[in-house]
Amino acid sequence: MHKFLGENIFQIVMIEDPIEAASILFKIKPDLIFMDISMPRINGYKLCALLRKSTSLKETPIVMVTGRTGFIDKTRAKMVGATDYLTKPFTKTDLLSAVKNNLPNAIESLSVF
């Protein structure tokens, strides 16, 4: 993701520890969150649900990123408040499309190749 989005187009903040993620996200208030479902100590479903309960990140788009392609996984992601779902492996075009779909005003002029 950093390789595809960090080309002087977007400011990227990578958070390695999902337990620390919530407090960091509350401080920086990002425009868009990409979150893996499979993380140590807390999964993406639980973290997404936690963020959705907060007033400061309630409306922030959250894209769940995973290698899981099943209907149940996608449904569960929607149930906890995910706005979108990106399946790994993905291409630069897939990633930029997810950004464009969730932040249309921020990148109106971005061309996806």
C-alpha atoms as a PDB file:
ATOM      1  CA  MET A   1       0.000   0.000   0.000  1.00  0.00           C
ATOM      2  CA  HIS A   2       2.731   2.423   0.907  1.00  0.00           C
ATOM      3  CA  LYS A   3       4.442   1.735  -2.424  1.00  0.00           C
ATOM      4  CA  PHE A   4       1.254   2.418  -4.382  1.00  0.00           C
ATOM      5  CA  LEU A   5      -0.065   5.380  -2.405  1.00  0.00           C
ATOM      6  CA  GLY A   6       3.038   6.979  -0.970  1.00  0.00           C
ATOM      7  CA  GLU A   7       4.226   8.498  -4.245  1.00  0.00           C
ATOM      8  CA  ASN A   8       3.821  12.097  -3.009  1.00  0.00           C
ATOM      9  CA  ILE A   9       0.068  11.793  -3.494  1.00  0.00           C
ATOM     10  CA  PHE A  10      -1.061  10.824  -0.003  1.00  0.00           C
ATOM     11  CA  GLN A  11       0.274  11.100   3.507  1.00  0.00           C
ATOM     12  CA  ILE A  12       0.508   7.524   4.796  1.00  0.00           C
ATOM     13  CA  VAL A  13       0.639   6.505   8.450  1.00  0.00           C
ATOM     14  CA  MET A  14       1.390   2.843   9.029  1.00  0.00           C
ATOM     15  CA  ILE A  15       0.456   1.374  12.390  1.00  0.00           C
ATOM     16  CA  GLU A  16       1.962  -2.001  13.210  1.00  0.00           C
ATOM     17  CA  ASP A  17       0.311  -2.694  16.572  1.00  0.00           C
ATOM     18  CA  PRO A  18      -3.492  -2.993  16.378  1.00  0.00           C
ATOM     19  CA  ILE A  19      -3.846  -2.372  20.128  1.00  0.00           C
ATOM     20  CA  GLU A  20      -2.155   1.025  19.726  1.00  0.00           C
ATOM     21  CA  ALA A  21      -4.058   1.727  16.505  1.00  0.00           C
ATOM     22  CA  ALA A  22      -7.210   3.088  18.121  1.00  0.00           C
ATOM     23  CA  SER A  23      -5.446   5.732  20.207  1.00  0.00           C
ATOM     24  CA  ILE A  24      -3.258   6.786  17.258  1.00  0.00           C
ATOM     25  CA  LEU A  25      -6.246   6.982  14.908  1.00  0.00           C
ATOM     26  CA  PHE A  26      -8.224   9.086  17.417  1.00  0.00           C
ATOM     27  CA  LYS A  27      -5.305  11.543  17.523  1.00  0.00           C
ATOM     28  CA  ILE A  28      -4.609  11.869  13.806  1.00  0.00           C
ATOM     29  CA  LYS A  29      -8.218  11.528  12.565  1.00  0.00           C
ATOM     30  CA  PRO A  30      -7.388  10.174   9.091  1.00  0.00           C
ATOM     31  CA  ASP A  31      -9.558  10.713   6.030  1.00  0.00           C
ATOM     32  CA  LEU A  32      -9.491   6.997   5.165  1.00  0.00           C
ATOM     33  CA  ILE A  33      -8.497   3.833   7.039  1.00  0.00           C
ATOM     34  CA  PHE A  34      -7.278   0.598   5.455  1.00  0.00           C
ATOM     35  CA  MET A  35      -7.438  -2.211   7.985  1.00  0.00           C
ATOM     36  CA  ASP A  36      -6.424  -5.844   7.716  1.00  0.00           C
ATOM     37  CA  ILE A  37      -8.880  -8.348   9.147  1.00  0.00           C
ATOM     38  CA  SER A  38      -6.162 -10.698  10.403  1.00  0.00           C
ATOM     39  CA  MET A  39      -4.085  -8.957  13.049  1.00  0.00           C
ATOM     40  CA  PRO A  40      -2.456 -10.159  16.254  1.00  0.00           C
ATOM     41  CA  ARG A  41      -4.267  -9.650  19.597  1.00  0.00           C
ATOM     42  CA  ILE A  42      -7.346  -7.991  18.067  1.00  0.00           C
ATOM     43  CA  ASN A  43      -8.872  -8.676  14.684  1.00  0.00           C
ATOM     44  CA  GLY A  44      -9.997  -6.069  12.198  1.00  0.00           C
ATOM     45  CA  TYR A  45     -13.665  -6.757  12.868  1.00  0.00           C
ATOM     46  CA  LYS A  46     -13.306  -5.836  16.542  1.00  0.00           C
ATOM     47  CA  LEU A  47     -11.175  -2.787  15.828  1.00  0.00           C
ATOM     48  CA  CYS A  48     -13.577  -1.563  13.145  1.00  0.00           C
ATOM     49  CA  ALA A  49     -16.536  -1.943  15.520  1.00  0.00           C
ATOM     50  CA  LEU A  50     -14.637  -0.019  18.205  1.00  0.00           C
ATOM     51  CA  LEU A  51     -13.855   2.834  15.815  1.00  0.00           C
ATOM     52  CA  ARG A  52     -17.480   2.989  14.673  1.00  0.00           C
ATOM     53  CA  LYS A  53     -18.606   3.552  18.276  1.00  0.00           C
ATOM     54  CA  SER A  54     -16.491   6.697  18.555  1.00  0.00           C
ATOM     55  CA  THR A  55     -17.864  10.061  17.555  1.00  0.00           C
ATOM     56  CA  SER A  56     -14.587  11.230  15.990  1.00  0.00           C
ATOM     57  CA  LEU A  57     -14.185   8.282  13.575  1.00  0.00           C
ATOM     58  CA  LYS A  58     -17.794   7.215  13.162  1.00  0.00           C
ATOM     59  CA  GLU A  59     -18.004   8.591   9.599  1.00  0.00           C
ATOM     60  CA  THR A  60     -14.429   7.859   8.476  1.00  0.00           C
ATOM     61  CA  PRO A  61     -14.388   5.348   5.610  1.00  0.00           C
ATOM     62  CA  ILE A  62     -12.842   2.020   6.651  1.00  0.00           C
ATOM     63  CA  VAL A  63     -11.697  -0.418   3.981  1.00  0.00           C
ATOM     64  CA  MET A  64     -11.167  -3.956   5.214  1.00  0.00           C
ATOM     65  CA  VAL A  65      -8.191  -5.598   3.526  1.00  0.00           C
ATOM     66  CA  THR A  66      -7.897  -9.373   3.492  1.00  0.00           C
ATOM     67  CA  GLY A  67      -7.180 -12.498   1.543  1.00  0.00           C
ATOM     68  CA  ARG A  68     -10.586 -13.831   2.576  1.00  0.00           C
ATOM     69  CA  THR A  69     -13.011 -13.825  -0.319  1.00  0.00           C
ATOM     70  CA  GLY A  70     -16.064 -15.426   1.225  1.00  0.00           C
ATOM     71  CA  PHE A  71     -19.540 -13.936   1.409  1.00  0.00           C
ATOM     72  CA  ILE A  72     -19.607 -14.373   5.204  1.00  0.00           C
ATOM     73  CA  ASP A  73     -16.387 -12.375   5.638  1.00  0.00           C
ATOM     74  CA  LYS A  74     -17.686  -9.541   3.464  1.00  0.00           C
ATOM     75  CA  THR A  75     -21.029  -9.537   5.272  1.00  0.00           C
ATOM     76  CA  ARG A  76     -19.356  -9.522   8.671  1.00  0.00           C
ATOM     77  CA  ALA A  77     -17.178  -6.583   7.598  1.00  0.00           C
ATOM     78  CA  LYS A  78     -20.293  -4.626   6.604  1.00  0.00           C
ATOM     79  CA  MET A  79     -22.020  -5.549   9.872  1.00  0.00           C
ATOM     80  CA  VAL A  80     -19.202  -4.060  11.976  1.00  0.00           C
ATOM     81  CA  GLY A  81     -19.235  -0.863   9.920  1.00  0.00           C
ATOM     82  CA  ALA A  82     -16.689  -1.299   7.144  1.00  0.00           C
ATOM     83  CA  THR A  83     -17.387   0.900   4.153  1.00  0.00           C
ATOM     84  CA  ASP A  84     -15.542  -1.205   1.616  1.00  0.00           C
ATOM     85  CA  TYR A  85     -13.643  -4.463   1.182  1.00  0.00           C
ATOM     86  CA  LEU A  86     -10.369  -5.000  -0.687  1.00  0.00           C
ATOM     87  CA  THR A  87      -9.195  -8.537  -1.379  1.00  0.00           C
ATOM     88  CA  LYS A  88      -5.494  -9.427  -1.422  1.00  0.00           C
ATOM     89  CA  PRO A  89      -3.562  -9.675  -3.583  1.00  0.00           C
ATOM     90  CA  PHE A  90      -4.608  -6.406  -5.151  1.00  0.00           C
ATOM     91  CA  THR A  91      -3.174  -4.240  -7.888  1.00  0.00           C
ATOM     92  CA  LYS A  92      -2.368  -0.541  -7.823  1.00  0.00           C
ATOM     93  CA  THR A  93      -5.533   0.013  -9.853  1.00  0.00           C
ATOM     94  CA  ASP A  94      -7.616  -1.881  -7.265  1.00  0.00           C
ATOM     95  CA  LEU A  95      -6.138   0.158  -4.427  1.00  0.00           C
ATOM     96  CA  LEU A  96      -6.560   3.504  -6.173  1.00  0.00           C
ATOM     97  CA  SER A  97     -10.140   2.573  -7.054  1.00  0.00           C
ATOM     98  CA  ALA A  98     -10.840   1.888  -3.369  1.00  0.00           C
ATOM     99  CA  VAL A  99      -9.379   5.278  -2.473  1.00  0.00           C
ATOM    100  CA  LYS A 100     -11.340   7.018  -5.214  1.00  0.00           C
ATOM    101  CA  ASN A 101     -14.594   5.298  -4.186  1.00  0.00           C
ATOM    102  CA  ASN A 102     -14.173   6.299  -0.553  1.00  0.00           C
ATOM    103  CA  LEU A 103     -12.618   9.756  -0.994  1.00  0.00           C
ATOM    104  CA  PRO A 104     -14.125  11.041  -4.235  1.00  0.00           C
ATOM    105  CA  ASN A 105     -13.673  14.733  -3.404  1.00  0.00           C
ATOM    106  CA  ALA A 106     -10.046  14.364  -2.369  1.00  0.00           C
ATOM    107  CA  ILE A 107      -8.880  12.875  -5.663  1.00  0.00           C
ATOM    108  CA  GLU A 108     -11.344  13.993  -8.297  1.00  0.00           C
ATOM    109  CA  SER A 109      -8.585  14.503 -10.823  1.00  0.00           C
ATOM    110  CA  LEU A 110      -6.699  11.282 -10.051  1.00  0.00           C
ATOM    111  CA  SER A 111      -6.408   9.009 -13.039  1.00  0.00           C
ATOM    112  CA  VAL A 112      -6.343   5.299 -12.345  1.00  0.00           C
ATOM    113  CA  PHE A 113      -4.113   3.324 -14.715  1.00  0.00           C
END
